[in-house]
Amino acid sequence: MSQNLFTYRIQTSGKQSLTNIDVYLKDALTKSGLKDGILVVFCPHTTAAITINENADPDVQKDMNWGYTDTFPNKGSYHHAEGNSDAHIKSSLTGVSETIIVTDGRMLLGTWQSIYFWDYDGPRNRKFHVKIIAG
């Protein structure tokens, strides 16, 4: 493998949005030359997350956003002065990384699965890191 750490930048849209990052992960795999091992994707932000979920029906993304907004609204009663405590809570609950098995140079995902960067405090310029590990 020639390179095993990649950083990608994206521009998110809206206060809360899911961005499919499969194309970036496939790019990292291709550039790394990895055939078998794992891929770790990590979000270095405290108000965003990485998640794996359905890619077939865009209504799932809408429902996920609605569910989190309904469960954790942006209320004035939070103490954090920046006014984005709901985003910190959502990020902690979702998690900032995912580990994906790689076999035959491809991510081992379910039929309807994709990997998403979920921004809870956008729109913003964001980045994420991809670590490729042979094994």
N, C-alpha and C. Protein backbone atom coordinates (compact mmCIF):
# COMPACT_ATOMS: atom_id res chain seq x y z
N MET A 1 0.85 -1.18 0.00
CA MET A 1 0.00 0.00 0.00
C MET A 1 0.89 1.24 0.00
N SER A 2 0.54 2.18 -0.86
CA SER A 2 1.35 3.38 -0.96
C SER A 2 0.95 4.44 0.07
N GLN A 3 -0.30 4.61 0.30
CA GLN A 3 -0.78 5.59 1.27
C GLN A 3 -1.92 4.95 2.05
N ASN A 4 -2.00 5.27 3.36
CA ASN A 4 -3.07 4.66 4.14
C ASN A 4 -3.87 5.64 4.98
N LEU A 5 -3.61 6.94 4.86
CA LEU A 5 -4.41 7.95 5.56
C LEU A 5 -4.80 9.03 4.56
N PHE A 6 -6.10 9.30 4.50
CA PHE A 6 -6.64 10.26 3.55
C PHE A 6 -7.54 11.24 4.29
N THR A 7 -7.53 12.49 3.87
CA THR A 7 -8.41 13.51 4.43
C THR A 7 -9.24 14.10 3.30
N TYR A 8 -10.54 14.18 3.54
CA TYR A 8 -11.45 14.74 2.54
C TYR A 8 -12.22 15.90 3.15
N ARG A 9 -12.56 16.86 2.31
CA ARG A 9 -13.33 18.03 2.74
C ARG A 9 -14.65 18.07 1.98
N ILE A 10 -15.69 18.42 2.72
CA ILE A 10 -17.02 18.55 2.11
C ILE A 10 -17.69 19.82 2.61
N GLN A 11 -18.63 20.31 1.84
CA GLN A 11 -19.47 21.44 2.24
C GLN A 11 -20.86 20.86 2.53
N THR A 12 -21.33 21.02 3.76
CA THR A 12 -22.66 20.50 4.10
C THR A 12 -23.71 21.56 3.81
N SER A 13 -24.97 21.12 3.78
CA SER A 13 -26.06 22.04 3.48
C SER A 13 -27.12 21.94 4.56
N GLY A 14 -27.67 23.06 4.93
CA GLY A 14 -28.74 23.08 5.93
C GLY A 14 -28.24 22.92 7.35
N LYS A 15 -29.10 23.19 8.29
CA LYS A 15 -28.76 23.06 9.71
C LYS A 15 -28.35 21.63 10.04
N GLN A 16 -29.10 20.67 9.51
CA GLN A 16 -28.84 19.26 9.79
C GLN A 16 -28.96 18.50 8.48
N SER A 17 -27.87 17.84 8.07
CA SER A 17 -27.90 17.17 6.76
C SER A 17 -27.02 15.93 6.75
N LEU A 18 -27.44 14.97 5.94
CA LEU A 18 -26.67 13.75 5.71
C LEU A 18 -26.04 13.84 4.32
N THR A 19 -24.74 13.56 4.25
CA THR A 19 -24.02 13.56 2.98
C THR A 19 -23.45 12.17 2.76
N ASN A 20 -23.83 11.53 1.66
CA ASN A 20 -23.29 10.22 1.34
C ASN A 20 -21.82 10.38 0.98
N ILE A 21 -20.93 9.66 1.68
CA ILE A 21 -19.49 9.78 1.44
C ILE A 21 -18.89 8.52 0.83
N ASP A 22 -19.73 7.62 0.30
CA ASP A 22 -19.23 6.39 -0.32
C ASP A 22 -18.16 6.65 -1.38
N VAL A 23 -18.37 7.66 -2.22
CA VAL A 23 -17.44 7.94 -3.31
C VAL A 23 -16.05 8.28 -2.77
N TYR A 24 -15.98 8.98 -1.65
CA TYR A 24 -14.70 9.33 -1.05
C TYR A 24 -14.00 8.08 -0.48
N LEU A 25 -14.79 7.21 0.13
CA LEU A 25 -14.22 6.00 0.71
C LEU A 25 -13.71 5.06 -0.38
N LYS A 26 -14.46 4.98 -1.48
CA LYS A 26 -14.01 4.17 -2.62
C LYS A 26 -12.73 4.75 -3.23
N ASP A 27 -12.63 6.08 -3.25
CA ASP A 27 -11.43 6.74 -3.75
C ASP A 27 -10.22 6.38 -2.88
N ALA A 28 -10.40 6.42 -1.57
CA ALA A 28 -9.32 6.07 -0.65
C ALA A 28 -8.89 4.62 -0.85
N LEU A 29 -9.86 3.72 -1.00
CA LEU A 29 -9.54 2.31 -1.24
C LEU A 29 -8.75 2.13 -2.52
N THR A 30 -9.19 2.79 -3.59
CA THR A 30 -8.50 2.67 -4.87
C THR A 30 -7.07 3.18 -4.76
N LYS A 31 -6.90 4.35 -4.16
CA LYS A 31 -5.57 4.95 -4.04
C LYS A 31 -4.65 4.12 -3.15
N SER A 32 -5.22 3.47 -2.13
CA SER A 32 -4.40 2.69 -1.20
C SER A 32 -3.97 1.35 -1.79
N GLY A 33 -4.78 0.82 -2.69
CA GLY A 33 -4.49 -0.49 -3.26
C GLY A 33 -4.87 -1.64 -2.34
N LEU A 34 -5.56 -1.36 -1.25
CA LEU A 34 -5.94 -2.40 -0.28
C LEU A 34 -6.91 -3.40 -0.91
N LYS A 35 -6.65 -4.68 -0.69
CA LYS A 35 -7.56 -5.73 -1.14
C LYS A 35 -8.34 -6.31 0.02
N ASP A 36 -7.68 -6.49 1.16
CA ASP A 36 -8.35 -7.06 2.33
C ASP A 36 -7.88 -6.37 3.59
N GLY A 37 -8.82 -6.02 4.45
CA GLY A 37 -8.50 -5.35 5.71
C GLY A 37 -9.71 -4.60 6.22
N ILE A 38 -9.44 -3.43 6.79
CA ILE A 38 -10.54 -2.58 7.27
C ILE A 38 -10.29 -1.14 6.88
N LEU A 39 -11.36 -0.42 6.83
CA LEU A 39 -11.35 1.01 6.56
C LEU A 39 -12.02 1.67 7.76
N VAL A 40 -11.37 2.67 8.33
CA VAL A 40 -11.95 3.43 9.44
C VAL A 40 -12.18 4.85 8.95
N VAL A 41 -13.39 5.34 9.11
CA VAL A 41 -13.69 6.72 8.75
C VAL A 41 -13.99 7.46 10.05
N PHE A 42 -13.33 8.63 10.22
CA PHE A 42 -13.39 9.39 11.47
C PHE A 42 -13.72 10.85 11.20
N CYS A 43 -14.63 11.39 11.99
CA CYS A 43 -15.06 12.79 11.91
C CYS A 43 -14.44 13.56 13.09
N PRO A 44 -13.57 14.56 12.81
CA PRO A 44 -12.92 15.29 13.90
C PRO A 44 -13.71 16.51 14.40
N HIS A 45 -15.02 16.42 14.36
CA HIS A 45 -15.86 17.55 14.78
C HIS A 45 -16.78 17.11 15.93
N THR A 46 -17.11 18.03 16.81
CA THR A 46 -17.96 17.70 17.96
C THR A 46 -19.45 17.93 17.70
N THR A 47 -19.77 18.42 16.51
CA THR A 47 -21.18 18.63 16.17
C THR A 47 -21.55 17.94 14.85
N ALA A 48 -20.83 16.87 14.55
CA ALA A 48 -21.12 16.06 13.35
C ALA A 48 -20.79 14.61 13.68
N ALA A 49 -21.15 13.70 12.78
CA ALA A 49 -20.97 12.28 13.06
C ALA A 49 -20.84 11.50 11.76
N ILE A 50 -20.51 10.22 11.90
CA ILE A 50 -20.46 9.28 10.79
C ILE A 50 -21.45 8.16 11.11
N THR A 51 -22.25 7.77 10.13
CA THR A 51 -23.22 6.70 10.36
C THR A 51 -23.38 5.85 9.10
N ILE A 52 -23.84 4.63 9.29
CA ILE A 52 -24.18 3.74 8.18
C ILE A 52 -25.69 3.57 8.20
N ASN A 53 -26.31 3.79 7.02
CA ASN A 53 -27.76 3.62 6.96
C ASN A 53 -28.20 3.41 5.52
N GLU A 54 -29.50 3.36 5.31
CA GLU A 54 -30.09 3.03 4.02
C GLU A 54 -29.79 4.09 2.96
N ASN A 55 -29.51 3.61 1.74
CA ASN A 55 -29.25 4.51 0.62
C ASN A 55 -30.32 4.46 -0.46
N ALA A 56 -31.29 3.57 -0.34
CA ALA A 56 -32.27 3.37 -1.41
C ALA A 56 -33.41 4.39 -1.40
N ASP A 57 -33.89 4.74 -0.23
CA ASP A 57 -35.05 5.63 -0.12
C ASP A 57 -34.64 6.91 0.60
N PRO A 58 -34.61 8.07 -0.10
CA PRO A 58 -34.21 9.33 0.53
C PRO A 58 -35.12 9.75 1.69
N ASP A 59 -36.32 9.18 1.75
CA ASP A 59 -37.20 9.50 2.88
C ASP A 59 -36.63 9.01 4.20
N VAL A 60 -35.78 7.98 4.16
CA VAL A 60 -35.15 7.50 5.40
C VAL A 60 -34.28 8.61 5.99
N GLN A 61 -33.53 9.31 5.16
CA GLN A 61 -32.69 10.41 5.63
C GLN A 61 -33.56 11.53 6.22
N LYS A 62 -34.66 11.83 5.54
CA LYS A 62 -35.57 12.86 6.05
C LYS A 62 -36.12 12.45 7.41
N ASP A 63 -36.50 11.17 7.53
CA ASP A 63 -37.05 10.68 8.80
C ASP A 63 -36.00 10.69 9.91
N MET A 64 -34.77 10.34 9.56
CA MET A 64 -33.70 10.36 10.56
C MET A 64 -33.47 11.79 11.06
N ASN A 65 -33.40 12.73 10.13
CA ASN A 65 -33.24 14.13 10.53
C ASN A 65 -34.41 14.60 11.39
N TRP A 66 -35.63 14.26 10.98
CA TRP A 66 -36.81 14.67 11.74
C TRP A 66 -36.80 14.04 13.12
N GLY A 67 -36.47 12.74 13.19
CA GLY A 67 -36.46 12.04 14.47
C GLY A 67 -35.48 12.66 15.46
N TYR A 68 -34.29 12.97 14.99
CA TYR A 68 -33.30 13.58 15.89
C TYR A 68 -33.71 15.00 16.29
N THR A 69 -34.26 15.76 15.33
CA THR A 69 -34.69 17.12 15.64
C THR A 69 -35.85 17.11 16.62
N ASP A 70 -36.77 16.17 16.44
CA ASP A 70 -37.91 16.06 17.34
C ASP A 70 -37.48 15.60 18.74
N THR A 71 -36.56 14.67 18.80
CA THR A 71 -36.10 14.12 20.08
C THR A 71 -35.18 15.08 20.82
N PHE A 72 -34.32 15.77 20.06
CA PHE A 72 -33.35 16.69 20.65
C PHE A 72 -33.45 18.05 19.97
N PRO A 73 -34.49 18.82 20.30
CA PRO A 73 -34.66 20.12 19.66
C PRO A 73 -33.60 21.12 20.15
N ASN A 74 -33.39 22.15 19.35
CA ASN A 74 -32.46 23.21 19.73
C ASN A 74 -33.21 24.18 20.64
N LYS A 75 -33.09 23.96 21.95
CA LYS A 75 -33.85 24.73 22.92
C LYS A 75 -33.01 25.85 23.54
N GLY A 76 -33.68 26.88 23.92
CA GLY A 76 -33.01 27.99 24.58
C GLY A 76 -32.58 27.67 26.00
N SER A 77 -33.05 26.56 26.56
CA SER A 77 -32.74 26.24 27.95
C SER A 77 -31.38 25.55 28.13
N TYR A 78 -30.68 25.23 27.03
CA TYR A 78 -29.34 24.67 27.17
C TYR A 78 -28.39 25.74 27.70
N HIS A 79 -27.34 25.34 28.36
CA HIS A 79 -26.40 26.28 28.97
C HIS A 79 -25.28 26.73 28.03
N HIS A 80 -24.89 25.91 27.07
CA HIS A 80 -23.79 26.21 26.16
C HIS A 80 -24.07 27.49 25.38
N ALA A 81 -23.17 28.44 25.45
CA ALA A 81 -23.39 29.78 24.90
C ALA A 81 -23.49 29.81 23.37
N GLU A 82 -22.93 28.84 22.68
CA GLU A 82 -22.96 28.87 21.22
C GLU A 82 -24.33 28.52 20.64
N GLY A 83 -25.22 27.98 21.46
CA GLY A 83 -26.57 27.67 20.98
C GLY A 83 -26.67 26.42 20.12
N ASN A 84 -25.68 25.53 20.23
CA ASN A 84 -25.72 24.32 19.43
C ASN A 84 -25.58 23.05 20.27
N SER A 85 -26.06 23.11 21.49
CA SER A 85 -25.95 21.94 22.38
C SER A 85 -26.64 20.72 21.80
N ASP A 86 -27.75 20.92 21.09
CA ASP A 86 -28.42 19.79 20.47
C ASP A 86 -27.49 19.06 19.51
N ALA A 87 -26.66 19.81 18.78
CA ALA A 87 -25.71 19.20 17.84
C ALA A 87 -24.66 18.37 18.56
N HIS A 88 -24.19 18.84 19.71
CA HIS A 88 -23.21 18.08 20.50
C HIS A 88 -23.82 16.77 21.00
N ILE A 89 -25.06 16.83 21.46
CA ILE A 89 -25.75 15.64 21.95
C ILE A 89 -25.91 14.62 20.82
N LYS A 90 -26.37 15.07 19.66
CA LYS A 90 -26.60 14.18 18.51
C LYS A 90 -25.29 13.53 18.05
N SER A 91 -24.22 14.30 18.02
CA SER A 91 -22.92 13.77 17.62
C SER A 91 -22.45 12.68 18.57
N SER A 92 -22.59 12.93 19.86
CA SER A 92 -22.17 11.93 20.85
C SER A 92 -22.98 10.65 20.74
N LEU A 93 -24.27 10.77 20.49
CA LEU A 93 -25.12 9.59 20.40
C LEU A 93 -24.89 8.80 19.11
N THR A 94 -24.63 9.49 18.01
CA THR A 94 -24.41 8.80 16.74
C THR A 94 -23.02 8.20 16.68
N GLY A 95 -22.03 8.95 17.11
CA GLY A 95 -20.64 8.50 17.08
C GLY A 95 -19.88 9.14 15.93
N VAL A 96 -18.58 9.30 16.12
CA VAL A 96 -17.76 10.02 15.15
C VAL A 96 -16.95 9.11 14.23
N SER A 97 -17.18 7.79 14.32
CA SER A 97 -16.43 6.90 13.42
C SER A 97 -17.21 5.65 13.11
N GLU A 98 -16.80 5.02 12.01
CA GLU A 98 -17.32 3.71 11.61
C GLU A 98 -16.15 2.90 11.08
N THR A 99 -16.21 1.60 11.30
CA THR A 99 -15.21 0.67 10.78
C THR A 99 -15.91 -0.27 9.80
N ILE A 100 -15.33 -0.37 8.61
CA ILE A 100 -15.95 -1.16 7.55
C ILE A 100 -14.95 -2.23 7.09
N ILE A 101 -15.41 -3.46 6.99
CA ILE A 101 -14.58 -4.55 6.48
C ILE A 101 -14.38 -4.35 4.97
N VAL A 102 -13.14 -4.59 4.52
CA VAL A 102 -12.82 -4.52 3.10
C VAL A 102 -12.39 -5.91 2.65
N THR A 103 -13.01 -6.39 1.59
CA THR A 103 -12.65 -7.68 1.02
C THR A 103 -12.65 -7.57 -0.50
N ASP A 104 -11.65 -8.12 -1.13
CA ASP A 104 -11.49 -8.03 -2.59
C ASP A 104 -11.52 -6.59 -3.08
N GLY A 105 -10.98 -5.66 -2.27
CA GLY A 105 -10.90 -4.25 -2.66
C GLY A 105 -12.20 -3.48 -2.57
N ARG A 106 -13.23 -4.10 -1.95
CA ARG A 106 -14.55 -3.45 -1.84
C ARG A 106 -15.03 -3.44 -0.41
N MET A 107 -15.79 -2.40 -0.07
CA MET A 107 -16.38 -2.33 1.27
C MET A 107 -17.46 -3.40 1.38
N LEU A 108 -17.47 -4.11 2.49
CA LEU A 108 -18.46 -5.16 2.73
C LEU A 108 -19.65 -4.53 3.44
N LEU A 109 -20.62 -4.10 2.63
CA LEU A 109 -21.82 -3.44 3.14
C LEU A 109 -23.05 -4.22 2.72
N GLY A 110 -24.14 -4.01 3.44
CA GLY A 110 -25.41 -4.60 3.05
C GLY A 110 -25.92 -3.97 1.77
N THR A 111 -26.87 -4.62 1.15
CA THR A 111 -27.41 -4.19 -0.15
C THR A 111 -27.81 -2.73 -0.16
N TRP A 112 -28.45 -2.26 0.90
CA TRP A 112 -29.00 -0.91 0.92
C TRP A 112 -28.16 0.05 1.75
N GLN A 113 -26.99 -0.36 2.21
CA GLN A 113 -26.20 0.48 3.11
C GLN A 113 -25.25 1.42 2.38
N SER A 114 -25.10 2.61 2.95
CA SER A 114 -24.10 3.59 2.55
C SER A 114 -23.56 4.24 3.82
N ILE A 115 -22.46 4.94 3.67
CA ILE A 115 -21.85 5.64 4.81
C ILE A 115 -22.14 7.13 4.62
N TYR A 116 -22.57 7.77 5.71
CA TYR A 116 -22.97 9.17 5.67
C TYR A 116 -22.19 10.01 6.67
N PHE A 117 -21.87 11.23 6.25
CA PHE A 117 -21.39 12.27 7.14
C PHE A 117 -22.64 13.03 7.56
N TRP A 118 -22.92 13.07 8.87
CA TRP A 118 -24.15 13.70 9.37
C TRP A 118 -23.77 14.96 10.13
N ASP A 119 -24.08 16.10 9.54
CA ASP A 119 -23.77 17.39 10.16
C ASP A 119 -25.01 17.87 10.91
N TYR A 120 -24.82 18.22 12.18
CA TYR A 120 -25.93 18.69 13.01
C TYR A 120 -25.87 20.19 13.26
N ASP A 121 -24.86 20.86 12.71
CA ASP A 121 -24.65 22.28 13.01
C ASP A 121 -24.17 23.01 11.75
N GLY A 122 -24.83 22.73 10.65
CA GLY A 122 -24.41 23.32 9.38
C GLY A 122 -25.21 24.55 9.02
N PRO A 123 -25.01 24.98 7.80
CA PRO A 123 -24.04 24.45 6.84
C PRO A 123 -22.62 24.90 7.19
N ARG A 124 -21.67 24.00 6.93
CA ARG A 124 -20.27 24.28 7.25
C ARG A 124 -19.34 23.57 6.26
N ASN A 125 -18.10 24.04 6.24
CA ASN A 125 -17.03 23.30 5.58
C ASN A 125 -16.53 22.29 6.60
N ARG A 126 -16.56 21.03 6.24
CA ARG A 126 -16.18 19.96 7.17
C ARG A 126 -15.12 19.08 6.55
N LYS A 127 -14.51 18.25 7.38
CA LYS A 127 -13.55 17.28 6.87
C LYS A 127 -13.73 15.98 7.62
N PHE A 128 -13.21 14.91 7.02
CA PHE A 128 -13.18 13.61 7.69
C PHE A 128 -11.95 12.88 7.21
N HIS A 129 -11.51 11.94 8.03
CA HIS A 129 -10.30 11.18 7.73
C HIS A 129 -10.66 9.72 7.47
N VAL A 130 -9.89 9.10 6.59
CA VAL A 130 -10.07 7.69 6.25
C VAL A 130 -8.73 6.99 6.48
N LYS A 131 -8.72 5.97 7.33
CA LYS A 131 -7.53 5.18 7.60
C LYS A 131 -7.75 3.80 7.02
N ILE A 132 -6.82 3.36 6.21
CA ILE A 132 -6.87 2.06 5.57
C ILE A 132 -5.88 1.13 6.30
N ILE A 133 -6.36 -0.01 6.73
CA ILE A 133 -5.52 -0.94 7.51
C ILE A 133 -5.58 -2.31 6.85
N ALA A 134 -4.43 -2.81 6.44
CA ALA A 134 -4.36 -4.12 5.81
C ALA A 134 -4.48 -5.21 6.88
N GLY A 135 -5.03 -6.34 6.46
CA GLY A 135 -5.12 -7.44 7.40
C GLY A 135 -6.02 -8.55 6.94
